[in-house]
């Protein structure tokens, strides 16, 4: 398979059904943003030393590829089986969030991103995840079949926030609280 096909030279690309749409189509925006999130997830992964956290992020990348596939699937009877996001994928994130939160100080202020590159990368991943969630929600509301993608992305953004706080603690970095000016 060649990397370039020249089929997109006129500003269109194909969805899973084969239907050609503009590269700015809502589905392309949604799964393109998920792809961006996969890349930022890799950046976070490459900053870490903890084998368990690294393994979790590889699993998250796998689920993000599933999310992207679902967002690209504009057919009910696609020629191949579309993978699914299942409730246990979301539950796994919730369990990790709960486990990490037990060890964290109580949050009394909003937290500003920063303090260490790895922490900042977690916040970038979190914000890209929120954008992916908003775009997936548009696809879901207009065409359906993306409810679990939206739910997974919602929980994943929470995971990246809690991971940033966990790393702040492990790296002995002071969180930067946001205290509004009076």
N, C-alpha and C. Protein backbone atom coordinates (compact mmCIF):
# COMPACT_ATOMS: atom_id res chain seq x y z
N UNK A 1 0.85 -1.18 0.00
CA UNK A 1 0.00 0.00 0.00
C UNK A 1 0.89 1.24 0.00
N UNK A 2 0.65 2.13 -0.91
CA UNK A 2 1.42 3.37 -0.98
C UNK A 2 0.92 4.37 0.06
N UNK A 3 1.85 5.21 0.53
CA UNK A 3 1.48 6.24 1.49
C UNK A 3 0.62 7.29 0.81
N UNK A 4 0.96 7.64 -0.40
CA UNK A 4 0.16 8.64 -1.11
C UNK A 4 -0.64 7.96 -2.22
N UNK A 5 -1.87 8.41 -2.35
CA UNK A 5 -2.77 7.84 -3.36
C UNK A 5 -3.18 8.87 -4.40
N UNK A 6 -3.01 10.12 -4.08
CA UNK A 6 -3.40 11.26 -4.92
C UNK A 6 -4.92 11.43 -5.02
N UNK A 7 -5.69 10.56 -4.30
CA UNK A 7 -7.15 10.67 -4.38
C UNK A 7 -7.67 11.86 -3.58
N UNK A 8 -6.85 12.40 -2.70
CA UNK A 8 -7.29 13.53 -1.89
C UNK A 8 -6.80 14.87 -2.41
N UNK A 9 -6.19 14.87 -3.57
CA UNK A 9 -5.60 16.11 -4.09
C UNK A 9 -6.63 17.19 -4.38
N UNK A 10 -7.86 16.83 -4.50
CA UNK A 10 -8.90 17.83 -4.77
C UNK A 10 -9.71 18.16 -3.53
N UNK A 11 -9.18 17.80 -2.35
CA UNK A 11 -9.80 18.22 -1.10
C UNK A 11 -10.87 17.29 -0.57
N UNK A 12 -10.91 16.06 -1.06
CA UNK A 12 -11.87 15.11 -0.53
C UNK A 12 -11.14 13.88 -0.03
N UNK A 13 -11.84 13.11 0.78
CA UNK A 13 -11.31 11.84 1.28
C UNK A 13 -12.49 10.89 1.44
N UNK A 14 -12.19 9.61 1.59
CA UNK A 14 -13.25 8.60 1.67
C UNK A 14 -13.50 8.19 3.11
N UNK A 15 -14.78 8.03 3.43
CA UNK A 15 -15.18 7.42 4.69
C UNK A 15 -15.15 5.90 4.49
N UNK A 16 -15.44 5.14 5.52
CA UNK A 16 -15.35 3.68 5.43
C UNK A 16 -16.27 3.11 4.36
N UNK A 17 -17.41 3.73 4.14
CA UNK A 17 -18.35 3.24 3.12
C UNK A 17 -17.82 3.44 1.71
N UNK A 18 -16.80 4.27 1.57
CA UNK A 18 -16.27 4.61 0.25
C UNK A 18 -16.77 5.96 -0.24
N UNK A 19 -17.78 6.49 0.44
CA UNK A 19 -18.31 7.80 0.07
C UNK A 19 -17.24 8.86 0.25
N UNK A 20 -17.08 9.71 -0.75
CA UNK A 20 -16.09 10.79 -0.69
C UNK A 20 -16.75 12.04 -0.10
N UNK A 21 -16.04 12.66 0.83
CA UNK A 21 -16.54 13.87 1.50
C UNK A 21 -15.41 14.89 1.55
N UNK A 22 -15.74 16.18 1.74
CA UNK A 22 -14.68 17.18 1.90
C UNK A 22 -13.83 16.88 3.13
N UNK A 23 -12.58 17.24 3.07
CA UNK A 23 -11.68 16.96 4.20
C UNK A 23 -12.04 17.75 5.45
N UNK A 24 -12.95 18.71 5.32
CA UNK A 24 -13.43 19.45 6.49
C UNK A 24 -14.76 18.90 7.00
N UNK A 25 -15.21 17.77 6.47
CA UNK A 25 -16.46 17.13 6.90
C UNK A 25 -16.41 16.84 8.40
N UNK A 26 -17.56 16.88 9.06
CA UNK A 26 -17.61 16.69 10.51
C UNK A 26 -16.98 15.38 10.96
N UNK A 27 -17.14 14.33 10.20
CA UNK A 27 -16.53 13.05 10.58
C UNK A 27 -15.00 13.11 10.48
N UNK A 28 -14.52 13.78 9.45
CA UNK A 28 -13.07 13.90 9.26
C UNK A 28 -12.48 14.76 10.38
N UNK A 29 -13.16 15.86 10.71
CA UNK A 29 -12.71 16.72 11.82
C UNK A 29 -12.67 15.92 13.12
N UNK A 30 -13.68 15.10 13.35
CA UNK A 30 -13.76 14.33 14.59
C UNK A 30 -12.66 13.28 14.67
N UNK A 31 -12.53 12.45 13.63
CA UNK A 31 -11.52 11.40 13.76
C UNK A 31 -10.11 11.96 13.56
N UNK A 32 -9.98 13.07 12.88
CA UNK A 32 -8.68 13.73 12.78
C UNK A 32 -8.22 14.26 14.13
N UNK A 33 -9.15 14.75 14.92
CA UNK A 33 -8.82 15.24 16.26
C UNK A 33 -8.49 14.08 17.18
N UNK A 34 -9.18 12.96 17.00
CA UNK A 34 -8.82 11.76 17.77
C UNK A 34 -7.41 11.31 17.39
N UNK A 35 -7.07 11.40 16.12
CA UNK A 35 -5.72 11.07 15.68
C UNK A 35 -4.69 11.98 16.34
N UNK A 36 -5.00 13.27 16.40
CA UNK A 36 -4.13 14.24 17.09
C UNK A 36 -3.97 13.84 18.56
N UNK A 37 -5.06 13.41 19.18
CA UNK A 37 -5.01 12.98 20.57
C UNK A 37 -4.14 11.74 20.73
N UNK A 38 -4.20 10.82 19.77
CA UNK A 38 -3.32 9.65 19.83
C UNK A 38 -1.86 10.07 19.84
N UNK A 39 -1.52 11.08 19.02
CA UNK A 39 -0.14 11.55 18.96
C UNK A 39 0.27 12.19 20.29
N UNK A 40 -0.61 12.98 20.90
CA UNK A 40 -0.28 13.58 22.20
C UNK A 40 -0.22 12.52 23.29
N UNK A 41 -1.03 11.47 23.17
CA UNK A 41 -0.96 10.37 24.11
C UNK A 41 0.41 9.70 24.02
N UNK A 42 0.93 9.59 22.81
CA UNK A 42 2.28 9.03 22.61
C UNK A 42 3.33 9.93 23.26
N UNK A 43 3.16 11.24 23.16
CA UNK A 43 4.10 12.17 23.79
C UNK A 43 4.10 11.96 25.31
N UNK A 44 2.92 11.85 25.90
CA UNK A 44 2.84 11.60 27.34
C UNK A 44 3.50 10.26 27.66
N UNK A 45 3.17 9.23 26.90
CA UNK A 45 3.74 7.89 27.09
C UNK A 45 5.26 7.95 27.11
N UNK A 46 5.83 8.68 26.17
CA UNK A 46 7.28 8.70 26.02
C UNK A 46 7.98 9.49 27.11
N UNK A 47 7.22 10.21 27.93
CA UNK A 47 7.79 10.95 29.06
C UNK A 47 7.83 10.11 30.34
N UNK A 48 7.07 9.03 30.35
CA UNK A 48 6.87 8.28 31.60
C UNK A 48 7.89 7.16 31.77
N UNK A 49 8.05 6.75 33.03
CA UNK A 49 8.92 5.63 33.36
C UNK A 49 8.13 4.46 33.94
N UNK A 50 6.98 4.75 34.54
CA UNK A 50 6.17 3.72 35.18
C UNK A 50 5.58 2.78 34.12
N UNK A 51 5.93 1.50 34.21
CA UNK A 51 5.51 0.53 33.20
C UNK A 51 3.98 0.39 33.13
N UNK A 52 3.32 0.46 34.27
CA UNK A 52 1.87 0.34 34.29
C UNK A 52 1.20 1.52 33.58
N UNK A 53 1.67 2.74 33.88
CA UNK A 53 1.12 3.92 33.20
C UNK A 53 1.38 3.85 31.70
N UNK A 54 2.57 3.41 31.31
CA UNK A 54 2.90 3.31 29.89
C UNK A 54 2.00 2.30 29.20
N UNK A 55 1.76 1.17 29.86
CA UNK A 55 0.88 0.13 29.31
C UNK A 55 -0.54 0.66 29.15
N UNK A 56 -1.00 1.42 30.16
CA UNK A 56 -2.34 2.01 30.09
C UNK A 56 -2.45 2.94 28.89
N UNK A 57 -1.42 3.74 28.65
CA UNK A 57 -1.48 4.69 27.53
C UNK A 57 -1.46 3.98 26.17
N UNK A 58 -0.77 2.85 26.07
CA UNK A 58 -0.81 2.06 24.82
C UNK A 58 -2.23 1.53 24.62
N UNK A 59 -2.84 1.06 25.68
CA UNK A 59 -4.23 0.58 25.60
C UNK A 59 -5.17 1.72 25.21
N UNK A 60 -4.93 2.90 25.76
CA UNK A 60 -5.75 4.07 25.41
C UNK A 60 -5.58 4.39 23.92
N UNK A 61 -4.36 4.31 23.41
CA UNK A 61 -4.16 4.57 21.98
C UNK A 61 -4.96 3.57 21.14
N UNK A 62 -4.99 2.32 21.57
CA UNK A 62 -5.79 1.31 20.87
C UNK A 62 -7.26 1.70 20.87
N UNK A 63 -7.76 2.13 22.02
CA UNK A 63 -9.17 2.52 22.09
C UNK A 63 -9.43 3.77 21.26
N UNK A 64 -8.46 4.68 21.20
CA UNK A 64 -8.62 5.88 20.37
C UNK A 64 -8.67 5.50 18.89
N UNK A 65 -7.90 4.50 18.48
CA UNK A 65 -7.99 4.03 17.09
C UNK A 65 -9.38 3.46 16.83
N UNK A 66 -9.93 2.78 17.83
CA UNK A 66 -11.30 2.28 17.72
C UNK A 66 -12.27 3.45 17.59
N UNK A 67 -12.10 4.49 18.42
CA UNK A 67 -12.97 5.67 18.33
C UNK A 67 -12.89 6.29 16.94
N UNK A 68 -11.69 6.43 16.40
CA UNK A 68 -11.52 7.01 15.08
C UNK A 68 -12.22 6.17 14.01
N UNK A 69 -12.12 4.87 14.14
CA UNK A 69 -12.78 3.97 13.18
C UNK A 69 -14.29 4.13 13.24
N UNK A 70 -14.83 4.19 14.44
CA UNK A 70 -16.28 4.38 14.60
C UNK A 70 -16.70 5.71 13.98
N UNK A 71 -15.93 6.75 14.20
CA UNK A 71 -16.26 8.06 13.65
C UNK A 71 -16.16 8.08 12.12
N UNK A 72 -15.33 7.24 11.55
CA UNK A 72 -15.18 7.17 10.09
C UNK A 72 -16.21 6.24 9.45
N UNK A 73 -16.90 5.46 10.28
CA UNK A 73 -17.86 4.47 9.77
C UNK A 73 -19.22 5.11 9.55
N UNK A 74 -19.49 5.45 8.32
CA UNK A 74 -20.76 6.09 7.96
C UNK A 74 -21.74 5.07 7.40
N UNK A 75 -21.55 3.81 7.75
CA UNK A 75 -22.40 2.76 7.19
C UNK A 75 -22.86 1.82 8.31
N UNK A 76 -24.08 1.33 8.16
CA UNK A 76 -24.59 0.35 9.12
C UNK A 76 -24.18 -1.06 8.71
N UNK A 77 -23.92 -1.25 7.43
CA UNK A 77 -23.56 -2.56 6.89
C UNK A 77 -22.19 -2.49 6.21
N UNK A 78 -21.22 -1.98 6.94
CA UNK A 78 -19.87 -1.85 6.39
C UNK A 78 -19.33 -3.21 5.97
N UNK A 79 -18.40 -3.21 5.06
CA UNK A 79 -17.85 -4.47 4.53
C UNK A 79 -17.01 -5.22 5.54
N UNK A 80 -16.52 -4.55 6.58
CA UNK A 80 -15.77 -5.25 7.62
C UNK A 80 -16.33 -4.85 8.98
N UNK A 81 -16.03 -5.68 9.96
CA UNK A 81 -16.55 -5.46 11.31
C UNK A 81 -15.88 -4.25 11.95
N UNK A 82 -16.70 -3.32 12.42
CA UNK A 82 -16.21 -2.12 13.09
C UNK A 82 -16.00 -2.45 14.57
N UNK A 83 -14.81 -2.20 15.12
CA UNK A 83 -14.60 -2.46 16.55
C UNK A 83 -15.50 -1.56 17.40
N UNK A 84 -15.64 -1.90 18.65
CA UNK A 84 -16.54 -1.14 19.53
C UNK A 84 -15.83 -0.66 20.78
N UNK A 85 -16.33 0.44 21.30
CA UNK A 85 -15.99 0.87 22.65
C UNK A 85 -17.08 0.28 23.53
N UNK A 86 -16.67 -0.40 24.58
CA UNK A 86 -17.64 -1.06 25.46
C UNK A 86 -17.57 -0.45 26.85
N UNK A 87 -18.57 -0.72 27.63
CA UNK A 87 -18.68 -0.14 28.97
C UNK A 87 -17.44 -0.45 29.82
N UNK A 88 -16.85 -1.63 29.66
CA UNK A 88 -15.67 -1.97 30.46
C UNK A 88 -14.47 -1.08 30.13
N UNK A 89 -14.40 -0.53 28.91
CA UNK A 89 -13.34 0.42 28.57
C UNK A 89 -13.47 1.68 29.43
N UNK A 90 -14.69 2.12 29.60
CA UNK A 90 -14.96 3.33 30.40
C UNK A 90 -14.75 3.02 31.88
N UNK A 91 -15.20 1.86 32.31
CA UNK A 91 -15.03 1.46 33.71
C UNK A 91 -13.56 1.37 34.09
N UNK A 92 -12.72 0.91 33.16
CA UNK A 92 -11.29 0.82 33.46
C UNK A 92 -10.72 2.22 33.74
N UNK A 93 -11.12 3.20 32.93
CA UNK A 93 -10.66 4.57 33.18
C UNK A 93 -11.16 5.07 34.53
N UNK A 94 -12.41 4.78 34.85
CA UNK A 94 -12.97 5.21 36.13
C UNK A 94 -12.22 4.58 37.30
N UNK A 95 -11.88 3.30 37.18
CA UNK A 95 -11.13 2.64 38.26
C UNK A 95 -9.76 3.28 38.45
N UNK A 96 -9.08 3.60 37.34
CA UNK A 96 -7.78 4.26 37.44
C UNK A 96 -7.91 5.64 38.06
N UNK A 97 -8.91 6.39 37.62
CA UNK A 97 -9.14 7.72 38.18
C UNK A 97 -9.37 7.62 39.69
N UNK A 98 -10.24 6.70 40.10
CA UNK A 98 -10.53 6.53 41.52
C UNK A 98 -9.28 6.11 42.31
N UNK A 99 -8.49 5.20 41.74
CA UNK A 99 -7.26 4.74 42.40
C UNK A 99 -6.27 5.88 42.57
N UNK A 100 -6.07 6.67 41.53
CA UNK A 100 -5.12 7.79 41.60
C UNK A 100 -5.62 8.86 42.56
N UNK A 101 -6.93 9.14 42.50
CA UNK A 101 -7.48 10.23 43.33
C UNK A 101 -7.33 9.97 44.82
N UNK A 102 -7.37 8.69 45.22
CA UNK A 102 -7.23 8.36 46.64
C UNK A 102 -5.90 8.85 47.21
N UNK A 103 -4.89 8.97 46.37
CA UNK A 103 -3.55 9.34 46.82
C UNK A 103 -3.26 10.83 46.65
N UNK A 104 -4.21 11.56 46.08
CA UNK A 104 -3.98 12.98 45.78
C UNK A 104 -4.57 13.88 46.84
N UNK A 105 -3.95 15.05 47.02
CA UNK A 105 -4.55 16.02 47.94
C UNK A 105 -5.88 16.52 47.37
N UNK A 106 -6.77 16.88 48.27
CA UNK A 106 -8.08 17.40 47.88
C UNK A 106 -7.90 18.64 47.02
N UNK A 107 -8.67 18.73 45.97
CA UNK A 107 -8.60 19.87 45.06
C UNK A 107 -9.51 20.97 45.57
N UNK A 108 -8.94 22.15 45.86
CA UNK A 108 -9.73 23.26 46.39
C UNK A 108 -9.78 24.44 45.42
N UNK A 109 -8.92 24.42 44.40
CA UNK A 109 -8.90 25.47 43.38
C UNK A 109 -8.78 24.81 42.02
N UNK A 110 -9.12 25.55 40.98
CA UNK A 110 -8.75 25.10 39.65
C UNK A 110 -7.23 25.07 39.60
N UNK A 111 -6.69 24.22 38.75
CA UNK A 111 -5.24 24.08 38.64
C UNK A 111 -4.81 24.57 37.26
N UNK A 112 -3.78 25.41 37.24
CA UNK A 112 -3.24 25.87 35.97
C UNK A 112 -2.28 24.80 35.43
N UNK A 113 -2.28 24.57 34.13
CA UNK A 113 -1.33 23.61 33.56
C UNK A 113 0.10 24.09 33.78
N UNK A 114 1.01 23.15 33.95
CA UNK A 114 2.41 23.51 34.02
C UNK A 114 3.12 22.96 35.23
N UNK A 115 4.38 23.34 35.34
CA UNK A 115 5.22 22.90 36.43
C UNK A 115 6.28 21.92 35.98
N UNK A 116 5.97 21.17 34.91
CA UNK A 116 6.89 20.18 34.35
C UNK A 116 6.36 19.83 32.97
N UNK A 117 7.25 19.54 32.04
CA UNK A 117 6.83 19.24 30.66
C UNK A 117 5.82 18.10 30.60
N UNK A 118 6.05 17.04 31.36
CA UNK A 118 5.15 15.89 31.32
C UNK A 118 3.75 16.27 31.79
N UNK A 119 3.68 17.08 32.82
CA UNK A 119 2.39 17.54 33.34
C UNK A 119 1.68 18.40 32.28
N UNK A 120 2.44 19.26 31.64
CA UNK A 120 1.87 20.11 30.59
C UNK A 120 1.36 19.27 29.43
N UNK A 121 2.11 18.24 29.06
CA UNK A 121 1.66 17.36 27.97
C UNK A 121 0.35 16.65 28.34
N UNK A 122 0.19 16.29 29.60
CA UNK A 122 -1.08 15.69 30.04
C UNK A 122 -2.23 16.69 29.84
N UNK A 123 -1.98 17.94 30.15
CA UNK A 123 -3.02 18.96 29.98
C UNK A 123 -3.31 19.22 28.50
N UNK A 124 -2.30 19.16 27.65
CA UNK A 124 -2.54 19.29 26.21
C UNK A 124 -3.41 18.12 25.75
N UNK A 125 -3.06 16.91 26.17
CA UNK A 125 -3.87 15.74 25.81
C UNK A 125 -5.31 15.90 26.31
N UNK A 126 -5.46 16.41 27.53
CA UNK A 126 -6.80 16.62 28.10
C UNK A 126 -7.62 17.58 27.26
N UNK A 127 -7.00 18.68 26.83
CA UNK A 127 -7.76 19.69 26.09
C UNK A 127 -8.06 19.22 24.67
N UNK A 128 -7.13 18.50 24.04
CA UNK A 128 -7.40 17.93 22.72
C UNK A 128 -8.51 16.89 22.84
N UNK A 129 -8.50 16.14 23.93
CA UNK A 129 -9.55 15.15 24.18
C UNK A 129 -10.91 15.81 24.30
N UNK A 130 -10.98 16.94 25.00
CA UNK A 130 -12.25 17.66 25.12
C UNK A 130 -12.75 18.13 23.75
N UNK A 131 -11.81 18.59 22.90
CA UNK A 131 -12.21 19.02 21.55
C UNK A 131 -12.71 17.81 20.75
N UNK A 132 -12.01 16.69 20.86
CA UNK A 132 -12.45 15.47 20.17
C UNK A 132 -13.84 15.07 20.64
N UNK A 133 -14.08 15.19 21.92
CA UNK A 133 -15.40 14.87 22.48
C UNK A 133 -16.48 15.76 21.87
N UNK A 134 -16.21 17.06 21.80
CA UNK A 134 -17.21 17.98 21.23
C UNK A 134 -17.49 17.65 19.77
N UNK A 135 -16.46 17.32 19.01
CA UNK A 135 -16.65 16.99 17.59
C UNK A 135 -17.36 15.65 17.43
N UNK A 136 -17.04 14.69 18.27
CA UNK A 136 -17.73 13.39 18.23
C UNK A 136 -19.20 13.56 18.59
N UNK A 137 -19.48 14.48 19.50
CA UNK A 137 -20.87 14.74 19.89
C UNK A 137 -21.67 15.28 18.70
N UNK A 138 -21.06 16.12 17.88
CA UNK A 138 -21.74 16.62 16.68
C UNK A 138 -22.09 15.46 15.77
N UNK A 139 -21.13 14.57 15.53
CA UNK A 139 -21.39 13.40 14.67
C UNK A 139 -22.50 12.56 15.28
N UNK A 140 -22.43 12.32 16.59
CA UNK A 140 -23.44 11.49 17.24
C UNK A 140 -24.83 12.13 17.16
N UNK A 141 -24.93 13.42 17.45
CA UNK A 141 -26.24 14.07 17.43
C UNK A 141 -26.84 14.14 16.03
N UNK A 142 -26.00 14.26 15.02
CA UNK A 142 -26.51 14.38 13.66
C UNK A 142 -26.68 13.04 12.96
N UNK A 143 -25.86 12.04 13.34
CA UNK A 143 -25.91 10.77 12.60
C UNK A 143 -26.01 9.54 13.50
N UNK A 144 -25.81 9.69 14.79
CA UNK A 144 -25.93 8.57 15.73
C UNK A 144 -24.73 7.64 15.73
N UNK A 145 -24.85 6.58 16.52
CA UNK A 145 -23.87 5.50 16.62
C UNK A 145 -22.54 5.87 17.26
N UNK A 146 -22.45 6.99 17.95
CA UNK A 146 -21.18 7.39 18.56
C UNK A 146 -21.31 7.66 20.05
N UNK A 147 -22.38 7.20 20.67
CA UNK A 147 -22.62 7.48 22.08
C UNK A 147 -21.48 7.00 22.96
N UNK A 148 -20.97 5.78 22.71
CA UNK A 148 -19.89 5.24 23.55
C UNK A 148 -18.57 5.97 23.28
N UNK A 149 -18.38 6.45 22.09
CA UNK A 149 -17.18 7.25 21.78
C UNK A 149 -17.20 8.53 22.61
N UNK A 150 -18.34 9.21 22.61
CA UNK A 150 -18.49 10.45 23.38
C UNK A 150 -18.24 10.17 24.86
N UNK A 151 -18.82 9.12 25.36
CA UNK A 151 -18.67 8.77 26.78
C UNK A 151 -17.21 8.43 27.10
N UNK A 152 -16.56 7.66 26.23
CA UNK A 152 -15.16 7.30 26.45
C UNK A 152 -14.27 8.54 26.46
N UNK A 153 -14.46 9.42 25.49
CA UNK A 153 -13.65 10.63 25.42
C UNK A 153 -13.88 11.53 26.63
N UNK A 154 -15.12 11.58 27.11
CA UNK A 154 -15.41 12.37 28.30
C UNK A 154 -14.62 11.86 29.50
N UNK A 155 -14.64 10.56 29.69
CA UNK A 155 -13.92 9.97 30.82
C UNK A 155 -12.41 10.06 30.62
N UNK A 156 -11.97 9.94 29.37
CA UNK A 156 -10.54 10.00 29.10
C UNK A 156 -9.97 11.37 29.42
N UNK A 157 -10.71 12.42 29.16
CA UNK A 157 -10.20 13.76 29.51
C UNK A 157 -10.05 13.87 31.03
N UNK A 158 -10.97 13.29 31.77
CA UNK A 158 -10.84 13.26 33.23
C UNK A 158 -9.59 12.48 33.65
N UNK A 159 -9.35 11.36 32.95
CA UNK A 159 -8.16 10.55 33.25
C UNK A 159 -6.88 11.37 33.04
N UNK A 160 -6.79 12.10 31.93
CA UNK A 160 -5.59 12.90 31.69
C UNK A 160 -5.40 13.98 32.76
N UNK A 161 -6.50 14.55 33.25
CA UNK A 161 -6.39 15.54 34.33
C UNK A 161 -5.84 14.88 35.59
N UNK A 162 -6.41 13.75 35.95
CA UNK A 162 -5.96 13.07 37.17
C UNK A 162 -4.53 12.54 37.00
N UNK A 163 -4.19 12.08 35.80
CA UNK A 163 -2.81 11.65 35.55
C UNK A 163 -1.85 12.83 35.75
N UNK A 164 -2.25 14.01 35.30
CA UNK A 164 -1.39 15.19 35.49
C UNK A 164 -1.18 15.46 36.98
N UNK A 165 -2.22 15.31 37.77
CA UNK A 165 -2.10 15.53 39.21
C UNK A 165 -1.26 14.43 39.87
N UNK A 166 -1.44 13.21 39.43
CA UNK A 166 -0.64 12.09 39.95
C UNK A 166 0.85 12.34 39.67
N UNK A 167 1.15 12.77 38.46
CA UNK A 167 2.54 13.03 38.10
C UNK A 167 3.10 14.23 38.86
N UNK A 168 2.25 15.22 39.12
CA UNK A 168 2.67 16.37 39.93
C UNK A 168 3.14 15.90 41.29
N UNK A 169 2.39 15.00 41.88
CA UNK A 169 2.74 14.46 43.19
C UNK A 169 4.02 13.62 43.10
N UNK A 170 4.09 12.72 42.12
CA UNK A 170 5.25 11.84 41.99
C UNK A 170 6.54 12.60 41.69
N UNK A 171 6.42 13.65 40.89
CA UNK A 171 7.60 14.44 40.51
C UNK A 171 7.94 15.52 41.55
N UNK A 172 7.11 15.57 42.60
CA UNK A 172 7.29 16.56 43.67
C UNK A 172 7.28 17.99 43.14
N UNK A 173 6.31 18.23 42.27
CA UNK A 173 6.10 19.56 41.69
C UNK A 173 4.93 20.20 42.43
N UNK A 174 5.02 21.47 42.70
CA UNK A 174 3.89 22.17 43.31
C UNK A 174 2.84 22.47 42.24
N UNK A 175 1.61 22.08 42.54
CA UNK A 175 0.52 22.45 41.62
C UNK A 175 0.40 23.96 41.60
N UNK A 176 -0.04 24.46 40.46
CA UNK A 176 -0.22 25.90 40.31
C UNK A 176 -1.71 26.18 40.44
N UNK A 177 -2.15 26.60 41.62
CA UNK A 177 -3.59 26.87 41.78
C UNK A 177 -3.97 28.17 41.07
N UNK A 178 -5.17 28.18 40.54
CA UNK A 178 -5.68 29.41 39.97
C UNK A 178 -6.48 30.11 41.05
N UNK A 179 -6.01 31.27 41.43
CA UNK A 179 -6.69 32.08 42.42
C UNK A 179 -7.09 33.38 41.72
N UNK A 180 -8.38 33.56 41.47
CA UNK A 180 -8.82 34.73 40.72
C UNK A 180 -8.44 36.04 41.42
N UNK A 181 -8.10 37.03 40.60
CA UNK A 181 -7.85 38.36 41.15
C UNK A 181 -9.11 38.91 41.75
N UNK A 182 -8.97 39.67 42.79
CA UNK A 182 -10.13 40.28 43.44
C UNK A 182 -10.35 41.68 42.94
